[in-house]
Protein backbone atom coordinates (compact mmCIF):
# COMPACT_ATOMS: atom_id res chain seq x y z
CA MET A 1 29.32 -53.77 -29.56
CA GLU A 2 29.07 -53.02 -33.20
CA ASN A 3 25.63 -54.61 -33.37
CA GLN A 4 24.39 -52.62 -30.42
CA LEU A 5 25.66 -49.39 -32.17
CA LYS A 6 23.83 -50.39 -35.37
CA GLU A 7 20.62 -51.00 -33.33
CA ASP A 8 20.98 -47.63 -31.78
CA GLU A 9 21.30 -45.96 -35.05
CA ILE A 10 18.42 -47.81 -36.43
CA ASP A 11 16.18 -46.72 -33.46
CA LEU A 12 17.38 -43.19 -33.84
CA ILE A 13 16.73 -43.10 -37.55
CA ALA A 14 13.13 -44.73 -37.04
CA LEU A 15 12.30 -41.97 -34.38
CA ILE A 16 13.36 -39.26 -36.99
CA LYS A 17 11.27 -40.88 -39.74
CA SER A 18 8.17 -41.21 -37.23
CA LEU A 19 8.48 -37.40 -36.70
CA TRP A 20 9.00 -36.65 -40.34
CA ILE A 21 5.95 -38.62 -41.25
CA SER A 22 3.78 -36.82 -38.68
CA LYS A 23 5.24 -33.49 -39.33
CA LYS A 24 1.73 -32.06 -40.52
CA PHE A 25 0.28 -33.15 -37.32
CA ILE A 26 3.18 -31.51 -35.20
CA ILE A 27 2.99 -28.24 -37.26
CA LYS A 28 -0.82 -28.04 -36.78
CA LEU A 29 -0.49 -28.65 -33.17
CA THR A 30 2.38 -25.97 -32.83
CA ALA A 31 0.17 -23.68 -34.78
CA ALA A 32 -2.83 -24.25 -32.63
CA PHE A 33 -0.78 -23.56 -29.53
CA ALA A 34 0.85 -20.42 -30.98
CA ALA A 35 -2.73 -19.17 -31.65
CA LEU A 36 -3.61 -20.00 -28.16
CA GLY A 37 -0.57 -18.06 -26.94
CA VAL A 38 -1.69 -14.95 -28.95
CA VAL A 39 -5.16 -15.15 -27.34
CA VAL A 40 -3.57 -15.36 -23.95
CA ALA A 41 -1.24 -12.51 -24.65
CA LEU A 42 -4.07 -10.34 -25.81
CA LEU A 43 -6.39 -11.23 -22.71
CA SER A 44 -3.79 -10.99 -20.12
CA PRO A 45 -3.99 -7.83 -17.94
CA ILE A 46 -1.58 -5.13 -18.55
CA LYS A 47 0.75 -4.56 -15.56
CA TYR A 48 3.08 -1.73 -14.61
CA THR A 49 6.09 -2.18 -12.29
CA ALA A 50 7.44 0.36 -10.00
CA SER A 51 10.63 -0.19 -8.11
CA SER A 52 13.24 1.30 -5.76
CA THR A 53 16.81 0.49 -5.30
CA PHE A 54 18.64 1.20 -2.08
CA ILE A 55 21.86 0.39 -0.07
CA PRO A 56 21.52 -0.61 3.68
CA GLN A 57 24.38 0.87 5.69
CA SER A 58 24.90 -1.51 8.62
CA SER A 59 27.01 0.86 10.67
CA GLN A 60 28.19 4.45 10.70
CA ALA A 61 31.78 4.34 11.27
CA GLY A 62 32.32 8.07 10.60
CA SER A 63 29.54 9.38 12.68
CA SER A 64 30.48 6.89 15.44
CA SER A 65 33.57 8.84 16.13
CA ASN A 66 31.80 12.18 15.93
CA LEU A 67 29.19 10.95 18.43
CA SER A 68 32.03 9.72 20.70
CA GLY A 69 33.59 13.21 20.49
CA VAL A 70 30.20 14.88 21.46
CA ALA A 71 29.64 12.38 24.30
CA SER A 72 33.13 13.06 25.72
CA LEU A 73 32.34 17.00 25.79
CA VAL A 74 29.38 16.33 28.11
CA GLY A 75 31.18 13.66 30.25
CA ILE A 76 29.70 10.51 28.68
CA SER A 77 31.50 7.46 27.66
CA LEU A 78 29.95 5.43 24.89
CA GLY A 79 32.42 2.46 25.30
CA GLY A 80 34.15 0.54 22.72
CA ASN A 81 32.49 -2.86 22.68
CA ILE A 82 28.83 -2.35 22.09
CA SER A 83 26.88 -5.27 20.85
CA SER A 84 24.47 -4.73 18.04
CA ASN A 85 22.08 -6.82 16.11
CA GLU A 86 22.46 -6.91 12.43
CA ILE A 87 19.98 -8.08 9.70
CA PRO A 88 21.98 -8.84 6.61
CA PRO A 89 20.29 -7.91 3.33
CA SER A 90 20.16 -11.65 2.41
CA LEU A 91 17.32 -11.99 5.00
CA TYR A 92 15.10 -9.27 3.51
CA PRO A 93 13.20 -11.77 1.31
CA GLN A 94 12.33 -13.68 4.48
CA ILE A 95 11.11 -10.49 6.04
CA ILE A 96 8.68 -9.50 3.26
CA GLN A 97 7.33 -12.97 3.31
CA SER A 98 6.51 -12.90 7.04
CA THR A 99 2.99 -12.57 8.28
CA THR A 100 3.75 -9.51 10.42
CA TYR A 101 5.15 -7.69 7.24
CA LYS A 102 2.34 -8.64 5.03
CA ARG A 103 -0.18 -7.57 7.67
CA ASP A 104 1.35 -4.17 7.96
CA LEU A 105 1.31 -3.75 4.12
CA LEU A 106 -2.12 -4.79 3.77
CA LYS A 107 -2.90 -1.78 5.92
CA LEU A 108 -1.34 0.61 3.66
CA PRO A 109 -3.53 3.47 2.56
CA LEU A 110 -4.09 4.07 -1.04
CA LYS A 111 -4.94 7.61 -2.22
CA ILE A 112 -5.79 6.91 -5.86
CA SER A 113 -7.91 9.78 -6.53
CA SER A 114 -8.22 13.37 -5.03
CA GLU A 115 -12.08 13.14 -5.15
CA LYS A 116 -12.23 9.70 -3.32
CA PRO A 117 -11.21 8.77 0.14
CA SER A 118 -8.20 6.58 0.77
CA VAL A 119 -8.73 2.83 0.81
CA LEU A 120 -6.56 0.22 2.40
CA LEU A 121 -4.76 -2.06 0.29
CA GLN A 122 -6.50 -5.08 1.73
CA ASP A 123 -9.85 -3.57 0.54
CA TYR A 124 -8.68 -2.61 -2.80
CA MET A 125 -7.42 -6.27 -3.40
CA LEU A 126 -10.52 -7.70 -2.21
CA GLN A 127 -12.50 -5.65 -4.57
CA LYS A 128 -10.32 -6.37 -7.46
CA ASN A 129 -10.53 -10.27 -6.53
CA SER A 130 -14.41 -10.31 -6.28
CA SER A 131 -14.67 -8.36 -9.66
CA SER A 132 -12.37 -11.00 -11.51
CA ASP A 133 -13.19 -14.26 -9.75
CA PHE A 134 -15.34 -15.71 -12.53
CA LEU A 135 -13.25 -14.44 -15.44
CA GLY A 136 -9.98 -15.75 -13.69
CA THR A 137 -11.54 -19.09 -13.00
CA VAL A 138 -12.60 -19.58 -16.61
CA LYS A 139 -9.27 -18.26 -17.75
CA LYS A 140 -7.50 -20.59 -15.35
CA TYR A 141 -9.15 -23.70 -16.75
CA THR A 142 -9.14 -22.77 -20.70
CA ILE A 143 -6.50 -20.73 -22.05
CA MET A 144 -4.24 -20.73 -18.91
CA LEU A 145 -4.58 -24.57 -18.66
CA PRO A 146 -0.85 -25.47 -19.63
CA PHE A 147 0.32 -23.21 -16.80
CA THR A 148 -2.31 -24.56 -14.38
CA ILE A 149 -1.06 -28.10 -15.29
CA LEU A 150 2.59 -27.06 -14.75
CA SER A 151 1.77 -25.59 -11.31
CA ALA A 152 -0.02 -28.79 -10.30
CA ILE A 153 2.88 -30.90 -11.42
CA LYS A 154 5.31 -28.57 -9.58
CA GLY A 155 3.35 -29.01 -6.45
CA GLU A 156 4.04 -25.78 -4.85
CA GLU A 157 3.36 -25.94 -0.98
CA LYS A 158 1.01 -23.60 0.29
CA ASN A 159 0.89 -22.38 3.82
CA SER A 160 -1.78 -24.16 5.79
CA ASN A 161 -3.72 -22.25 8.41
CA TYR A 162 -2.13 -22.46 11.66
CA ASN A 163 -5.03 -22.88 14.26
CA SER A 164 -3.81 -21.45 17.70
CA SER A 165 -5.07 -19.43 20.37
CA ASN A 166 -2.48 -16.84 19.44
CA SER A 167 -4.08 -14.50 17.01
CA ALA A 168 -0.77 -13.34 15.94
CA MET A 169 0.02 -16.94 14.43
CA SER A 170 -3.29 -17.78 13.01
CA VAL A 171 -4.04 -16.87 9.48
CA SER A 172 -7.61 -16.98 8.03
CA LEU A 173 -8.47 -18.03 4.61
CA LYS A 174 -9.20 -14.53 3.50
CA GLU A 175 -5.75 -13.44 4.75
CA GLU A 176 -4.02 -16.57 3.13
CA GLY A 177 -5.44 -15.38 -0.36
CA LEU A 178 -4.30 -11.96 0.16
CA PHE A 179 -0.81 -13.07 1.27
CA GLU A 180 -0.61 -15.20 -1.93
CA ASN A 181 -1.53 -12.14 -4.11
CA LEU A 182 1.04 -10.05 -2.27
CA THR A 183 3.59 -12.76 -3.18
CA GLY A 184 2.87 -12.26 -6.86
CA ILE A 185 2.85 -8.53 -6.47
CA LEU A 186 6.17 -7.88 -4.66
CA LYS A 187 9.50 -8.88 -5.83
CA LEU A 188 12.74 -8.28 -4.06
CA SER A 189 16.33 -9.07 -5.28
CA VAL A 190 19.49 -8.64 -3.40
CA ASN A 191 22.97 -8.08 -5.03
CA SER A 192 25.34 -9.63 -2.41
CA LYS A 193 28.40 -8.37 -4.43
CA GLU A 194 27.38 -4.78 -4.80
CA ARG A 195 25.15 -4.73 -1.64
CA PHE A 196 22.05 -3.25 -3.08
CA VAL A 197 18.50 -4.25 -2.85
CA THR A 198 15.81 -3.80 -5.38
CA LEU A 199 12.22 -3.91 -4.31
CA SER A 200 9.46 -3.82 -6.90
CA ALA A 201 5.69 -4.05 -7.10
CA SER A 202 3.49 -4.83 -10.21
CA MET A 203 -0.12 -3.83 -10.57
CA GLU A 204 -2.55 -3.04 -13.24
CA ASP A 205 -2.59 0.75 -12.11
CA PRO A 206 0.70 2.53 -12.42
CA LEU A 207 -0.14 4.84 -9.49
CA VAL A 208 -1.13 1.95 -7.16
CA SER A 209 2.06 0.09 -8.06
CA ALA A 210 4.20 3.23 -7.09
CA ILE A 211 2.26 3.68 -3.92
CA ILE A 212 2.79 -0.08 -2.93
CA ALA A 213 6.48 -0.07 -3.83
CA LYS A 214 7.02 2.99 -1.78
CA GLY A 215 5.06 1.66 1.29
CA ALA A 216 6.77 -1.77 0.99
CA GLN A 217 10.22 -0.05 0.98
CA GLU A 218 9.18 2.09 3.93
CA ILE A 219 7.76 -0.94 5.98
CA LEU A 220 10.83 -3.11 5.25
CA GLN A 221 13.22 -0.33 6.51
CA LYS A 222 11.03 0.27 9.58
CA ASN A 223 11.29 -3.50 10.34
CA VAL A 224 15.14 -3.48 10.04
CA ILE A 225 15.54 -0.31 12.07
CA ASN A 226 13.29 -1.45 14.85
CA TYR A 227 15.06 -4.91 15.10
CA LYS A 228 18.50 -3.08 14.95
CA ILE A 229 17.70 -0.55 17.87
CA LYS A 230 15.45 -2.78 19.86
CA SER A 231 18.13 -3.29 22.72
CA ALA A 232 19.18 0.34 22.76
CA SER A 233 15.56 1.56 22.66
CA GLU A 234 14.53 -0.67 25.55
CA GLN A 235 17.55 0.77 27.54
CA LEU A 236 16.63 4.25 26.64
CA GLU A 237 12.94 3.71 27.87
CA PHE A 238 14.18 2.19 31.10
CA ASN A 239 16.63 5.12 31.71
CA GLN A 240 13.80 7.66 31.09
CA LYS A 241 11.52 6.07 33.63
CA LEU A 242 14.24 6.16 36.17
CA LEU A 243 15.06 9.81 35.42
CA ASP A 244 11.39 10.74 35.76
CA PHE A 245 11.06 8.95 38.89
CA LYS A 246 14.14 10.57 40.41
CA LYS A 247 13.18 14.10 39.11
CA ILE A 248 10.13 13.96 41.32
CA GLU A 249 12.23 13.41 44.36
CA PHE A 250 14.73 15.96 43.16
CA ASP A 251 12.22 18.70 42.64
CA SER A 252 10.49 17.78 45.99
CA LEU A 253 13.81 18.16 48.01
CA GLN A 254 14.79 21.23 46.03
CA ASN A 255 11.49 23.05 47.03
CA LYS A 256 11.78 21.74 50.62
CA LEU A 257 15.19 23.26 51.01
CA ALA A 258 14.33 26.53 49.44
CA LEU A 259 11.32 26.67 51.65
CA PHE A 260 13.16 25.89 54.73
CA LYS A 261 15.88 28.76 53.94
CA ASP A 262 12.99 31.24 53.12
CA SER A 263 11.34 30.33 56.57
CA ASN A 264 14.49 30.81 58.51
CA LEU A 265 16.28 33.80 57.11
CA ASN A 266 17.17 35.54 60.45
CA ILE A 267 17.52 32.49 62.51
CA VAL A 268 21.03 31.50 63.61
CA GLY A 269 21.48 28.31 65.74
CA SER A 270 22.82 24.78 66.06
CA ARG A 271 19.47 23.23 65.50
CA PHE A 272 18.95 25.24 62.49
CA GLN A 273 22.44 24.53 61.11
CA ASN A 274 22.08 20.80 61.82
CA LYS A 275 18.63 20.59 60.02
CA LEU A 276 19.96 22.78 57.02
CA SER A 277 23.03 20.38 56.76
CA GLY A 278 20.88 17.53 56.76
CA LEU A 279 18.57 18.87 53.96
CA GLU A 280 21.59 19.96 51.98
CA SER A 281 23.30 16.63 52.18
CA GLN A 282 20.14 14.80 51.27
CA PHE A 283 19.68 17.16 48.39
CA ASN A 284 23.20 16.65 47.24
CA ILE A 285 23.00 12.86 47.12
CA VAL A 286 19.72 13.11 44.97
CA ASN A 287 21.23 15.74 42.86
CA ALA A 288 24.23 13.52 42.12
CA VAL A 289 22.06 10.59 41.39
CA TYR A 290 19.80 12.71 39.20
CA GLN A 291 22.82 14.17 37.31
CA GLU A 292 24.20 10.64 36.77
CA LEU A 293 20.94 9.46 35.35
CA SER A 294 20.73 12.50 33.06
CA LYS A 295 24.08 11.39 31.72
CA GLN A 296 23.06 7.78 31.24
CA LEU A 297 19.93 8.90 29.45
CA GLU A 298 21.94 11.03 26.97
CA GLN A 299 24.24 8.09 26.60
CA SER A 300 21.21 5.82 25.60
CA LYS A 301 20.01 8.53 23.15
CA LEU A 302 23.35 8.62 21.45
CA GLN A 303 23.45 4.81 21.46
CA VAL A 304 19.99 4.64 19.68
CA SER A 305 21.26 7.29 17.30
CA ARG A 306 24.43 5.35 16.39
CA ASP A 307 22.59 1.96 16.10
CA THR A 308 20.04 3.17 13.75
CA PRO A 309 21.02 1.97 10.22
CA VAL A 310 20.96 4.39 7.38
CA PHE A 311 19.48 3.46 3.84
CA SER A 312 20.88 5.15 0.79
CA VAL A 313 18.39 5.40 -1.99
CA ILE A 314 19.95 4.91 -5.29
CA LYS A 315 16.84 4.91 -7.43
CA GLY A 316 13.56 6.30 -5.82
CA VAL A 317 10.13 5.01 -6.66
CA SER A 318 8.44 6.81 -9.57
CA ILE A 319 5.10 6.32 -11.47
CA PRO A 320 5.83 3.77 -14.22
CA ASN A 321 4.91 4.94 -17.90
CA GLN A 322 5.56 1.62 -19.73
CA ARG A 323 4.02 -1.62 -19.09
CA SER A 324 6.10 -4.45 -17.71
CA ALA A 325 3.68 -7.31 -18.62
CA PRO A 326 2.48 -9.21 -20.55
CA LYS A 327 5.46 -9.90 -22.80
CA ARG A 328 3.22 -10.95 -25.63
CA SER A 329 5.98 -12.26 -28.07
CA LEU A 330 7.54 -14.28 -25.17
CA THR A 331 4.04 -15.75 -24.46
CA VAL A 332 3.59 -16.83 -27.99
CA VAL A 333 6.89 -18.50 -28.20
CA ILE A 334 6.40 -20.32 -25.07
CA TYR A 335 3.03 -21.75 -26.11
CA SER A 336 4.43 -22.59 -29.67
CA PHE A 337 7.22 -24.50 -27.76
CA ILE A 338 4.77 -26.43 -25.57
CA GLY A 339 2.66 -27.32 -28.73
CA PHE A 340 5.78 -28.67 -30.48
CA ILE A 341 6.99 -30.64 -27.41
CA LEU A 342 3.42 -32.12 -27.05
CA GLY A 343 3.25 -33.01 -30.60
CA CYS A 344 6.58 -34.70 -30.69
CA GLY A 345 5.71 -36.52 -27.51
CA PHE A 346 2.49 -37.74 -28.83
CA VAL A 347 4.08 -39.06 -31.99
CA LEU A 348 6.89 -40.86 -30.14
CA ILE A 349 4.71 -42.49 -27.74
CA LYS A 350 1.99 -43.25 -30.41
CA THR A 351 4.46 -45.42 -32.56
CA PRO A 352 5.59 -48.02 -29.97
CA PHE A 353 2.16 -48.19 -28.57
CA LEU A 354 0.82 -49.15 -31.92
CA GLN A 355 3.37 -51.72 -32.46
CA ILE A 356 2.54 -53.33 -29.00
CA ILE A 357 -1.11 -53.47 -29.98
CA LYS A 358 -0.20 -55.19 -33.42
CA GLU A 359 2.06 -57.63 -31.38
CA ILE A 360 -0.95 -58.41 -29.08
CA LYS A 361 -3.45 -58.89 -32.00
CA SER A 362 -1.01 -61.13 -33.98
């Protein structure tokens, strides 16, 4: 046991000695990577981040009782057990990563200048990508090579094209590239404890970043609202169609009854009374159905209003004045650390490798 501890101590001391002997090499490599980090920091594009913070209100307890009171005044019962679909904030990151959401966001109009017409976000991004393709490729395999290697080692999975006859599920190569760019532009964080959501967008133009952040927030809230009130909206649409159909019959019978009365003002007889009673009975039945459908339509409208979630904005989107990236000092520190680790690793690997070669030669 003691011999084993002594051997371990000897090995550790030998490793430290190897590092100390090669300290100049390690320092030079660290300095070289630090210089590379400075170049990367200086050449990296400046980005501005615009963000908004809001709290999703899943239900309106106070307004629910108010709506019930209003409904009771017009003879409508909202009922106590009404099912509702809820989207918790923890699912918001999945929403902004969905194909439907990204396609909606790519259609966002950007009004950058009052002198120029609006341009869609997808066209703006394609123009930016085409102007920086060559420089980006050179940068990726030169000064950004360490990060390229790390990404390759990490092996991030990319969404492959889904070839299907359904156009809603198929993604073209151009769209896939735009989707990946959006993933780097948008950031969403959810504070589960405090129940607030922060959505941010980072772009080289501060105005564009603010427009994207605002549009992304509105599209996200629209998706949540549409999902939440989907059932109530479908019921409202169905009741509206029934009421419209019954109104035609109601108006026809009402006109028919009025015309019959006007045409027989001075006529008194059993045949007249029988026909009049028949028309009035038919009209009363249609009128009762029409009034009931009207109540159901108002009930559906109140239900949609009650189911519609409310988003309380804590911090609205504003045009950023200070850049958010690159963090140049942090970039230099990271590159220096990578150089130091590579230098130490090379020295530690080189020493036993040379010993093995010596043993083979001997």
